[in-house]
Amino acid sequence: MIITRTPLRVSLIGGGTDIPSFYKYNDYGEVISTSINKYVYVIVKKQDPLYFEKYRLNYSETEIVNEVKKIKNPIIKACIEYLKIKDNLYIGTIADVPSSTGLGSSSSFCVGLLNALYAYKGIKISKKELAKQAFHIEVNILKKPIGKQDHYASAFGGINYIKFKSNENVIIKKINKNKNNYRNLFKSISFYWSGKMRSADNVLQDQNKNKMKNKNKLTIIRNMTKQFNDLLLTKKLNLNEIGNLIDNSWKLKRELSAKISNKKIDQIYNIAKINGAFGGKILGAGGGGFLMIISPPHKINIIKKSIEKFKFEKIDFKMENTGSIIVLNKK
């Protein structure tokens, strides 16, 4: 039995520039993201011959099938085919947070499943290769219109400055020179669950339709990522400047697609700013999921009370540094 634990991620700035339709034709894209202490667990074991089926799969649904081509879950099917595993398998998954909430859960699942299947085969794989192959499966094989950051954020863990070059090379830099800064940053961030799940694919497909019109906006967002990184490396973190960058980035991101925000999200965001927030954004592609707000720590409870009537529940996330790991490998 193999069990892997793979973190979800929070994209802080630069989202949208990690999509191939941008970085492949504009030199590069770059993001800053951090993994959080919410995880996707994947269980893989050889199916006992007492069972009649070849594959038993447990996720939000249960599948019992005898041929890989009949598997409905696209990521499970693609990973088994990609690694050419012929054994009878049991695969199960448990997540701390529902899918389609802007935390990169599908990519975390793909990374965690690949990690487990490689361990099942007795093959060691680097974090970089794990992220690269998970991205290949989701984007090149499954044709999902998603960005590249999620796979690297979940595979590596921690807070990272990630650059995606047009030649598909990826450069990952750990932001760990000033630990006080990113600890203080996280103390100033609060997260609110909208209660709404949405398909990132639909939002990103709409965004990709406007890729020529969005080029200049995404270039500005990309440049803000470098400014954000510079602020994190200063001796003392300036939360106001960090918040303003994220605020300006969110305003630009909202213009990429009409599906990224809505009247309710805009209203809540404006109320948060009136009550002391420096900035914020909807995590992930947009349209629902989690709202992230940056404010002075002493303003967090005031902001929380100001938006309570909208049923946006405050959820506590913490940073984590492990990335995707094998927590059990029992033969």
Protein backbone atom coordinates (compact mmCIF):
# COMPACT_ATOMS: atom_id res chain seq x y z
CA MET A 1 0.00 0.00 0.00
CA ILE A 2 1.24 3.47 -0.96
CA ILE A 3 -0.19 6.67 0.53
CA THR A 4 0.89 10.11 -0.66
CA ARG A 5 0.07 13.51 0.81
CA THR A 6 0.09 16.49 -1.55
CA PRO A 7 -0.69 20.08 -0.52
CA LEU A 8 -3.12 22.48 -2.10
CA ARG A 9 -1.82 25.93 -3.00
CA VAL A 10 -2.63 29.62 -2.77
CA SER A 11 -1.60 31.68 -5.78
CA LEU A 12 -0.50 35.06 -4.45
CA ILE A 13 0.26 36.94 -7.68
CA GLY A 14 1.00 36.30 -11.35
CA GLY A 15 -1.85 33.90 -12.09
CA GLY A 16 -2.73 33.83 -15.79
CA THR A 17 0.86 34.33 -16.94
CA ASP A 18 1.51 30.61 -16.29
CA ILE A 19 -0.90 29.60 -19.04
CA PRO A 20 0.88 28.31 -22.20
CA SER A 21 -1.08 30.68 -24.47
CA PHE A 22 0.71 33.54 -22.68
CA TYR A 23 4.19 32.43 -21.62
CA LYS A 24 4.99 30.55 -24.87
CA TYR A 25 4.47 33.68 -26.96
CA ASN A 26 5.66 36.39 -24.54
CA ASP A 27 9.09 35.14 -23.43
CA TYR A 28 7.99 33.97 -20.00
CA GLY A 29 5.39 34.02 -17.26
CA GLU A 30 5.98 34.11 -13.53
CA VAL A 31 4.03 33.63 -10.33
CA ILE A 32 4.47 33.60 -6.58
CA SER A 33 2.51 30.91 -4.81
CA THR A 34 2.58 28.99 -1.57
CA SER A 35 1.43 25.56 -0.53
CA ILE A 36 -0.94 25.37 2.43
CA ASN A 37 -1.75 22.86 5.17
CA LYS A 38 -4.72 21.42 3.31
CA TYR A 39 -3.99 18.22 1.44
CA VAL A 40 -5.05 15.61 -1.09
CA TYR A 41 -4.27 12.06 0.03
CA VAL A 42 -3.96 9.28 -2.55
CA ILE A 43 -3.99 5.57 -1.74
CA VAL A 44 -2.70 2.99 -4.22
CA LYS A 45 -2.52 -0.75 -3.63
CA LYS A 46 -2.56 -3.91 -5.65
CA GLN A 47 -6.10 -5.22 -5.84
CA ASP A 48 -6.46 -8.56 -4.12
CA PRO A 49 -7.27 -11.45 -6.53
CA LEU A 50 -10.35 -12.25 -4.42
CA TYR A 51 -11.99 -9.26 -6.10
CA PHE A 52 -13.40 -9.92 -9.54
CA GLU A 53 -12.79 -6.42 -10.94
CA LYS A 54 -9.45 -5.15 -12.24
CA TYR A 55 -9.86 -1.57 -10.97
CA ARG A 56 -11.70 -0.31 -7.92
CA LEU A 57 -11.57 3.48 -7.70
CA ASN A 58 -12.89 5.58 -4.83
CA TYR A 59 -13.02 9.38 -5.09
CA SER A 60 -16.20 11.50 -5.12
CA GLU A 61 -17.63 8.51 -7.00
CA THR A 62 -16.89 4.78 -6.97
CA GLU A 63 -15.87 2.98 -10.14
CA ILE A 64 -15.58 -0.77 -10.54
CA VAL A 65 -14.27 -1.61 -14.01
CA ASN A 66 -12.21 -4.26 -15.77
CA GLU A 67 -10.61 -2.20 -18.53
CA VAL A 68 -8.58 0.99 -18.23
CA LYS A 69 -10.40 2.47 -21.24
CA LYS A 70 -13.67 2.27 -19.28
CA ILE A 71 -12.38 4.39 -16.38
CA LYS A 72 -14.39 7.63 -16.20
CA ASN A 73 -11.99 9.66 -14.07
CA PRO A 74 -9.72 11.26 -16.70
CA ILE A 75 -6.70 11.83 -14.43
CA ILE A 76 -6.70 8.27 -13.06
CA LYS A 77 -7.12 6.81 -16.53
CA ALA A 78 -4.37 8.99 -18.03
CA CYS A 79 -1.88 8.28 -15.21
CA ILE A 80 -2.34 4.50 -15.42
CA GLU A 81 -1.93 4.60 -19.20
CA TYR A 82 1.05 6.97 -18.99
CA LEU A 83 2.95 4.67 -16.61
CA LYS A 84 1.78 1.53 -18.45
CA ILE A 85 0.73 -0.26 -15.29
CA LYS A 86 -1.02 -3.54 -16.02
CA ASP A 87 -1.66 -4.72 -12.43
CA ASN A 88 -5.08 -4.87 -10.82
CA LEU A 89 -5.31 -1.70 -8.71
CA TYR A 90 -7.24 -0.09 -5.91
CA ILE A 91 -6.99 3.71 -5.99
CA GLY A 92 -8.65 5.97 -3.45
CA THR A 93 -8.43 9.66 -2.61
CA ILE A 94 -9.41 11.88 0.31
CA ALA A 95 -9.19 15.69 0.26
CA ASP A 96 -9.32 18.26 3.07
CA VAL A 97 -11.16 20.77 0.85
CA PRO A 98 -13.76 20.27 -1.91
CA SER A 99 -12.59 20.38 -5.51
CA SER A 100 -13.24 23.34 -7.84
CA THR A 101 -12.52 25.93 -5.13
CA GLY A 102 -9.46 27.69 -6.60
CA LEU A 103 -6.77 25.84 -4.62
CA GLY A 104 -5.41 23.71 -7.46
CA SER A 105 -6.96 20.45 -6.28
CA SER A 106 -7.00 18.63 -9.63
CA SER A 107 -3.29 19.29 -10.12
CA SER A 108 -2.53 18.26 -6.53
CA PHE A 109 -4.43 15.02 -7.17
CA CYS A 110 -2.51 14.41 -10.41
CA VAL A 111 0.84 15.07 -8.70
CA GLY A 112 -0.09 12.88 -5.71
CA LEU A 113 -1.35 10.03 -7.89
CA LEU A 114 1.75 10.06 -10.09
CA ASN A 115 3.93 10.11 -6.98
CA ALA A 116 2.07 7.08 -5.60
CA LEU A 117 2.17 5.15 -8.88
CA TYR A 118 5.91 5.72 -9.29
CA ALA A 119 6.43 4.49 -5.72
CA TYR A 120 4.25 1.46 -6.55
CA LYS A 121 6.60 0.71 -9.44
CA GLY A 122 9.63 1.19 -7.18
CA ILE A 123 10.88 4.22 -9.12
CA LYS A 124 12.18 7.39 -7.47
CA ILE A 125 11.19 10.63 -9.19
CA SER A 126 12.36 14.19 -8.49
CA LYS A 127 9.90 16.90 -7.53
CA LYS A 128 10.66 18.82 -10.72
CA GLU A 129 10.07 15.79 -12.94
CA LEU A 130 6.91 14.95 -10.99
CA ALA A 131 5.51 18.45 -11.62
CA LYS A 132 6.58 18.38 -15.28
CA GLN A 133 4.86 15.06 -15.96
CA ALA A 134 1.68 16.02 -14.08
CA PHE A 135 1.43 19.19 -16.17
CA HIS A 136 2.00 17.15 -19.34
CA ILE A 137 -0.82 14.77 -18.42
CA GLU A 138 -3.37 17.47 -17.58
CA VAL A 139 -2.55 19.92 -20.39
CA ASN A 140 -1.05 17.96 -23.27
CA ILE A 141 -2.88 14.66 -22.87
CA LEU A 142 -6.18 15.75 -21.28
CA LYS A 143 -6.20 19.16 -23.06
CA LYS A 144 -7.21 21.11 -19.97
CA PRO A 145 -6.82 24.91 -20.40
CA ILE A 146 -5.12 25.32 -17.02
CA GLY A 147 -1.91 27.05 -15.93
CA LYS A 148 1.40 25.49 -15.01
CA GLN A 149 1.94 26.81 -11.50
CA ASP A 150 -0.29 24.37 -9.60
CA HIS A 151 1.79 21.28 -10.37
CA TYR A 152 5.03 22.92 -9.24
CA ALA A 153 3.49 24.51 -6.14
CA SER A 154 2.05 21.18 -4.96
CA ALA A 155 5.12 19.11 -5.85
CA PHE A 156 7.70 21.43 -4.22
CA GLY A 157 5.77 22.98 -1.32
CA GLY A 158 6.69 26.22 0.46
CA ILE A 159 6.51 29.74 -0.92
CA ASN A 160 8.11 29.94 -4.38
CA TYR A 161 8.91 32.38 -7.13
CA ILE A 162 8.31 30.32 -10.29
CA LYS A 163 9.27 31.38 -13.81
CA PHE A 164 7.86 29.65 -16.90
CA LYS A 165 10.02 30.19 -19.96
CA SER A 166 8.79 30.02 -23.54
CA ASN A 167 11.00 26.95 -24.19
CA GLU A 168 9.06 25.11 -21.40
CA ASN A 169 11.95 25.35 -18.93
CA VAL A 170 10.75 26.11 -15.39
CA ILE A 171 12.86 27.92 -12.78
CA ILE A 172 11.81 27.56 -9.13
CA LYS A 173 13.27 29.79 -6.44
CA LYS A 174 12.42 29.30 -2.78
CA ILE A 175 11.60 32.59 -1.07
CA ASN A 176 13.23 31.80 2.24
CA LYS A 177 15.79 34.58 2.78
CA ASN A 178 13.56 36.58 5.11
CA LYS A 179 11.30 34.19 7.00
CA ASN A 180 9.85 36.95 9.17
CA ASN A 181 8.50 38.68 6.07
CA TYR A 182 6.46 35.80 4.76
CA ARG A 183 5.33 34.83 8.25
CA ASN A 184 4.08 38.40 8.72
CA LEU A 185 2.51 38.26 5.27
CA PHE A 186 0.49 35.19 6.19
CA LYS A 187 -0.57 36.76 9.49
CA SER A 188 -2.08 39.58 7.44
CA ILE A 189 -4.00 37.29 5.06
CA SER A 190 -7.49 35.97 5.74
CA PHE A 191 -9.46 33.55 3.60
CA TYR A 192 -13.23 33.40 3.11
CA TRP A 193 -15.13 30.47 1.64
CA SER A 194 -17.82 31.64 -0.77
CA GLY A 195 -19.63 28.30 -0.68
CA LYS A 196 -19.57 28.26 -4.47
CA MET A 197 -17.67 25.66 -6.48
CA ARG A 198 -17.00 26.34 -10.15
CA SER A 199 -15.17 24.83 -13.10
CA ALA A 200 -11.82 26.52 -13.66
CA ASP A 201 -11.84 25.12 -17.21
CA ASN A 202 -14.86 27.21 -18.20
CA VAL A 203 -13.35 30.43 -16.85
CA LEU A 204 -9.94 29.77 -18.41
CA GLN A 205 -11.39 28.81 -21.79
CA ASP A 206 -13.21 32.14 -21.86
CA GLN A 207 -10.00 33.92 -20.82
CA ASN A 208 -8.02 32.17 -23.57
CA LYS A 209 -10.50 33.35 -26.20
CA ASN A 210 -9.40 36.89 -25.38
CA LYS A 211 -5.66 36.13 -25.28
CA MET A 212 -4.66 38.85 -27.76
CA LYS A 213 -6.77 41.49 -26.01
CA ASN A 214 -5.46 40.31 -22.62
CA LYS A 215 -1.76 40.31 -23.55
CA ASN A 216 -0.99 43.80 -22.20
CA LYS A 217 -2.90 43.21 -18.95
CA LEU A 218 -1.09 39.91 -18.34
CA THR A 219 2.26 41.54 -19.07
CA ILE A 220 1.55 44.14 -16.37
CA ILE A 221 0.51 41.38 -13.93
CA ARG A 222 3.74 39.53 -14.74
CA ASN A 223 5.78 42.65 -13.95
CA MET A 224 3.94 43.03 -10.63
CA THR A 225 5.20 39.57 -9.64
CA LYS A 226 8.81 40.80 -9.69
CA GLN A 227 7.80 43.82 -7.57
CA PHE A 228 6.04 41.50 -5.11
CA ASN A 229 9.15 39.34 -4.81
CA ASP A 230 11.35 42.39 -4.22
CA LEU A 231 9.06 43.49 -1.39
CA LEU A 232 9.26 40.06 0.24
CA LEU A 233 13.06 40.30 0.23
CA THR A 234 13.25 43.72 1.93
CA LYS A 235 14.32 43.99 5.57
CA LYS A 236 10.84 44.94 6.74
CA LEU A 237 7.67 43.97 4.93
CA ASN A 238 5.46 46.84 3.76
CA LEU A 239 1.96 45.32 3.90
CA ASN A 240 0.37 48.40 2.35
CA GLU A 241 2.53 48.11 -0.78
CA ILE A 242 2.00 44.34 -0.97
CA GLY A 243 -1.77 44.84 -0.64
CA ASN A 244 -1.82 47.56 -3.28
CA LEU A 245 0.00 45.28 -5.73
CA ILE A 246 -2.51 42.49 -5.21
CA ASP A 247 -5.39 44.98 -5.43
CA ASN A 248 -4.12 46.33 -8.77
CA SER A 249 -3.46 42.80 -10.02
CA TRP A 250 -7.02 41.76 -9.10
CA LYS A 251 -8.48 44.77 -10.95
CA LEU A 252 -6.60 43.75 -14.08
CA LYS A 253 -7.47 40.07 -13.68
CA ARG A 254 -11.19 40.90 -13.48
CA GLU A 255 -10.90 42.39 -16.98
CA LEU A 256 -9.56 39.15 -18.50
CA SER A 257 -13.00 37.47 -18.49
CA ALA A 258 -16.53 38.37 -17.43
CA LYS A 259 -16.62 35.02 -15.57
CA ILE A 260 -13.82 35.84 -13.12
CA SER A 261 -15.93 37.96 -10.76
CA ASN A 262 -19.57 38.92 -10.19
CA LYS A 263 -21.60 41.63 -8.43
CA LYS A 264 -21.67 39.80 -5.10
CA ILE A 265 -17.90 39.22 -5.04
CA ASP A 266 -17.27 42.84 -6.06
CA GLN A 267 -19.59 44.09 -3.33
CA ILE A 268 -17.93 41.99 -0.63
CA TYR A 269 -14.48 43.01 -1.81
CA ASN A 270 -15.39 46.70 -1.66
CA ILE A 271 -16.83 46.32 1.86
CA ALA A 272 -13.61 44.62 2.96
CA LYS A 273 -11.60 47.56 1.61
CA ILE A 274 -13.83 50.09 3.36
CA ASN A 275 -13.16 48.20 6.61
CA GLY A 276 -9.38 48.24 6.33
CA ALA A 277 -8.29 45.76 3.64
CA PHE A 278 -5.32 46.75 1.49
CA GLY A 279 -6.26 44.36 -1.31
CA GLY A 280 -7.27 40.85 -2.19
CA LYS A 281 -8.46 38.49 -4.91
CA ILE A 282 -10.49 35.42 -5.68
CA LEU A 283 -8.15 32.44 -5.66
CA GLY A 284 -7.68 30.37 -8.78
CA ALA A 285 -9.43 31.06 -12.05
CA GLY A 286 -12.26 33.02 -10.41
CA GLY A 287 -16.04 32.81 -10.31
CA GLY A 288 -16.24 31.38 -6.78
CA GLY A 289 -14.11 29.41 -4.36
CA PHE A 290 -12.08 31.36 -1.80
CA LEU A 291 -11.67 35.09 -1.37
CA MET A 292 -8.24 36.15 -0.08
CA ILE A 293 -7.95 39.46 1.76
CA ILE A 294 -4.76 41.27 2.89
CA SER A 295 -5.11 43.71 5.76
CA PRO A 296 -3.39 44.79 8.99
CA PRO A 297 -3.81 41.82 11.39
CA HIS A 298 -5.86 43.91 13.83
CA LYS A 299 -8.41 44.60 11.06
CA ILE A 300 -9.15 40.94 10.28
CA ASN A 301 -11.98 40.53 12.80
CA ILE A 302 -13.53 43.83 11.70
CA ILE A 303 -13.49 42.68 8.06
CA LYS A 304 -14.84 39.26 9.04
CA LYS A 305 -17.84 40.86 10.82
CA SER A 306 -18.45 43.29 7.96
CA ILE A 307 -19.04 40.48 5.45
CA GLU A 308 -20.75 37.93 7.72
CA LYS A 309 -24.19 38.70 6.27
CA PHE A 310 -23.00 37.43 2.88
CA LYS A 311 -22.35 33.95 4.35
CA PHE A 312 -18.67 34.04 3.44
CA GLU A 313 -17.10 31.85 6.13
CA LYS A 314 -13.58 32.61 7.35
CA ILE A 315 -11.27 29.60 6.98
CA ASP A 316 -7.79 29.36 8.47
CA PHE A 317 -4.95 28.21 6.21
CA LYS A 318 -1.32 27.94 7.22
CA MET A 319 1.78 27.68 5.07
CA GLU A 320 3.50 24.33 4.68
CA ASN A 321 6.89 23.36 3.25
CA THR A 322 6.86 19.65 2.42
CA GLY A 323 5.27 19.43 -1.02
CA SER A 324 4.12 16.03 -2.24
CA ILE A 325 5.44 13.26 0.01
CA ILE A 326 5.00 9.52 0.51
CA VAL A 327 3.60 8.98 4.00
CA LEU A 328 3.30 5.18 3.73
CA ASN A 329 5.05 2.64 1.54
CA LYS A 330 4.23 -0.80 2.86
CA LYS A 331 4.93 -3.91 0.82
